[in-house]
């Protein structure tokens, strides 16, 4: 187990950090006596839940009250048609 002084820890942090990567833990000393222990921290990524389409459908039905929302679909269709008309006009101008 490696040791490092408080002074070295403060003044030479990059070296201490590199040492900590190699060692599991470092003992910090002041006046030759141990005062702290540094240990590596490994970040654990949270496990992401897989998308459940049936569960999502149940949630959607519960939230929306089993109503379908047609106005969104109608808006998207109208918007796409407007873009197609604009794109075809731009092609004819060239």
C-alpha atoms as a PDB file:
ATOM      1  CA  UNK A   1       0.000   0.000   0.000  1.00  0.00           C
ATOM      2  CA  UNK A   2       1.437   3.368  -1.034  1.00  0.00           C
ATOM      3  CA  UNK A   3       1.541   6.465   1.141  1.00  0.00           C
ATOM      4  CA  UNK A   4       1.577  10.142   0.279  1.00  0.00           C
ATOM      5  CA  UNK A   5       1.869  13.215   2.468  1.00  0.00           C
ATOM      6  CA  UNK A   6      -0.809  15.883   2.704  1.00  0.00           C
ATOM      7  CA  UNK A   7       1.658  18.356   1.187  1.00  0.00           C
ATOM      8  CA  UNK A   8       2.434  16.097  -1.784  1.00  0.00           C
ATOM      9  CA  UNK A   9      -1.242  15.436  -2.284  1.00  0.00           C
ATOM     10  CA  UNK A  10      -2.013  19.161  -2.492  1.00  0.00           C
ATOM     11  CA  UNK A  11       1.007  20.165  -4.577  1.00  0.00           C
ATOM     12  CA  UNK A  12       1.293  17.138  -6.850  1.00  0.00           C
ATOM     13  CA  UNK A  13      -2.297  16.080  -7.416  1.00  0.00           C
ATOM     14  CA  UNK A  14      -1.769  14.746 -10.983  1.00  0.00           C
ATOM     15  CA  UNK A  15       0.927  12.403  -9.683  1.00  0.00           C
ATOM     16  CA  UNK A  16      -1.311  11.276  -6.820  1.00  0.00           C
ATOM     17  CA  UNK A  17      -4.184  10.694  -9.215  1.00  0.00           C
ATOM     18  CA  UNK A  18      -1.979   8.603 -11.505  1.00  0.00           C
ATOM     19  CA  UNK A  19      -0.766   6.634  -8.489  1.00  0.00           C
ATOM     20  CA  UNK A  20      -4.348   6.020  -7.437  1.00  0.00           C
ATOM     21  CA  UNK A  21      -5.094   4.584 -10.882  1.00  0.00           C
ATOM     22  CA  UNK A  22      -2.363   1.974 -10.346  1.00  0.00           C
ATOM     23  CA  UNK A  23      -3.038   1.264  -6.661  1.00  0.00           C
ATOM     24  CA  UNK A  24      -6.374   0.371  -5.093  1.00  0.00           C
ATOM     25  CA  UNK A  25      -5.840   2.768  -2.223  1.00  0.00           C
ATOM     26  CA  UNK A  26      -3.374   5.355  -0.922  1.00  0.00           C
ATOM     27  CA  UNK A  27      -2.791   6.293   2.711  1.00  0.00           C
ATOM     28  CA  UNK A  28      -2.434  10.044   3.316  1.00  0.00           C
ATOM     29  CA  UNK A  29      -0.032  10.952   6.122  1.00  0.00           C
ATOM     30  CA  UNK A  30       0.637  14.071   8.185  1.00  0.00           C
ATOM     31  CA  UNK A  31       3.753  14.163  10.356  1.00  0.00           C
ATOM     32  CA  UNK A  32       4.311  10.492   9.519  1.00  0.00           C
ATOM     33  CA  UNK A  33       0.934   9.406  10.891  1.00  0.00           C
ATOM     34  CA  UNK A  34      -1.933   8.171   8.705  1.00  0.00           C
ATOM     35  CA  UNK A  35      -4.828  10.640   8.585  1.00  0.00           C
ATOM     36  CA  UNK A  36      -6.855   9.518   5.578  1.00  0.00           C
ATOM     37  CA  UNK A  37      -7.257   6.819   2.983  1.00  0.00           C
ATOM     38  CA  UNK A  38      -7.945   7.522  -0.695  1.00  0.00           C
ATOM     39  CA  UNK A  39      -9.689   4.798  -2.650  1.00  0.00           C
ATOM     40  CA  UNK A  40     -10.630   4.582  -6.311  1.00  0.00           C
ATOM     41  CA  UNK A  41     -14.236   5.237  -7.207  1.00  0.00           C
ATOM     42  CA  UNK A  42     -15.633   3.392 -10.157  1.00  0.00           C
ATOM     43  CA  UNK A  43     -18.707   4.982 -11.613  1.00  0.00           C
ATOM     44  CA  UNK A  44     -21.397   2.417 -12.101  1.00  0.00           C
ATOM     45  CA  UNK A  45     -23.686   3.276 -14.952  1.00  0.00           C
ATOM     46  CA  UNK A  46     -27.308   2.704 -14.050  1.00  0.00           C
ATOM     47  CA  UNK A  47     -28.908  -0.144 -15.917  1.00  0.00           C
ATOM     48  CA  UNK A  48     -31.348   1.324 -18.369  1.00  0.00           C
ATOM     49  CA  UNK A  49     -34.677  -0.414 -18.568  1.00  0.00           C
ATOM     50  CA  UNK A  50     -35.536  -1.843 -21.953  1.00  0.00           C
ATOM     51  CA  UNK A  51     -38.457  -0.238 -23.749  1.00  0.00           C
ATOM     52  CA  UNK A  52     -41.634  -2.208 -23.155  1.00  0.00           C
ATOM     53  CA  UNK A  53     -44.166  -1.388 -25.891  1.00  0.00           C
ATOM     54  CA  UNK A  54     -47.042  -3.098 -24.093  1.00  0.00           C
ATOM     55  CA  UNK A  55     -46.271  -1.289 -20.847  1.00  0.00           C
ATOM     56  CA  UNK A  56     -46.033   1.985 -22.755  1.00  0.00           C
ATOM     57  CA  UNK A  57     -49.399   1.306 -24.392  1.00  0.00           C
ATOM     58  CA  UNK A  58     -50.940   0.655 -20.958  1.00  0.00           C
ATOM     59  CA  UNK A  59     -49.428   3.907 -19.634  1.00  0.00           C
ATOM     60  CA  UNK A  60     -50.658   5.813 -22.665  1.00  0.00           C
ATOM     61  CA  UNK A  61     -54.182   4.414 -22.273  1.00  0.00           C
ATOM     62  CA  UNK A  62     -54.177   5.275 -18.577  1.00  0.00           C
ATOM     63  CA  UNK A  63     -52.972   8.838 -19.196  1.00  0.00           C
ATOM     64  CA  UNK A  64     -55.070   9.635 -22.256  1.00  0.00           C
ATOM     65  CA  UNK A  65     -58.205   7.881 -21.065  1.00  0.00           C
ATOM     66  CA  UNK A  66     -58.173   5.463 -24.012  1.00  0.00           C
ATOM     67  CA  UNK A  67     -58.805   8.294 -26.466  1.00  0.00           C
ATOM     68  CA  UNK A  68     -56.841   8.378 -29.670  1.00  0.00           C
ATOM     69  CA  UNK A  69     -55.403  11.707 -30.644  1.00  0.00           C
ATOM     70  CA  UNK A  70     -56.100  12.189 -34.343  1.00  0.00           C
ATOM     71  CA  UNK A  71     -55.299  15.896 -34.504  1.00  0.00           C
ATOM     72  CA  UNK A  72     -51.566  15.207 -34.256  1.00  0.00           C
ATOM     73  CA  UNK A  73     -51.716  12.775 -37.133  1.00  0.00           C
ATOM     74  CA  UNK A  74     -53.790  15.214 -39.199  1.00  0.00           C
ATOM     75  CA  UNK A  75     -51.333  18.033 -38.487  1.00  0.00           C
ATOM     76  CA  UNK A  76     -48.357  15.890 -39.545  1.00  0.00           C
ATOM     77  CA  UNK A  77     -50.049  14.862 -42.788  1.00  0.00           C
ATOM     78  CA  UNK A  78     -50.913  18.480 -43.634  1.00  0.00           C
ATOM     79  CA  UNK A  79     -47.396  19.644 -42.772  1.00  0.00           C
ATOM     80  CA  UNK A  80     -45.781  16.959 -44.939  1.00  0.00           C
ATOM     81  CA  UNK A  81     -48.058  17.759 -47.858  1.00  0.00           C
ATOM     82  CA  UNK A  82     -47.224  21.468 -47.566  1.00  0.00           C
ATOM     83  CA  UNK A  83     -43.500  20.659 -47.621  1.00  0.00           C
ATOM     84  CA  UNK A  84     -43.917  18.398 -50.659  1.00  0.00           C
ATOM     85  CA  UNK A  85     -45.735  21.170 -52.545  1.00  0.00           C
ATOM     86  CA  UNK A  86     -43.019  23.667 -51.617  1.00  0.00           C
ATOM     87  CA  UNK A  87     -40.264  21.254 -52.650  1.00  0.00           C
ATOM     88  CA  UNK A  88     -41.889  20.511 -56.013  1.00  0.00           C
ATOM     89  CA  UNK A  89     -42.238  24.255 -56.723  1.00  0.00           C
ATOM     90  CA  UNK A  90     -38.548  24.780 -55.963  1.00  0.00           C
ATOM     91  CA  UNK A  91     -37.609  22.035 -58.451  1.00  0.00           C
ATOM     92  CA  UNK A  92     -39.735  23.608 -61.198  1.00  0.00           C
ATOM     93  CA  UNK A  93     -38.133  27.048 -60.648  1.00  0.00           C
ATOM     94  CA  UNK A  94     -34.671  25.773 -61.518  1.00  0.00           C
END
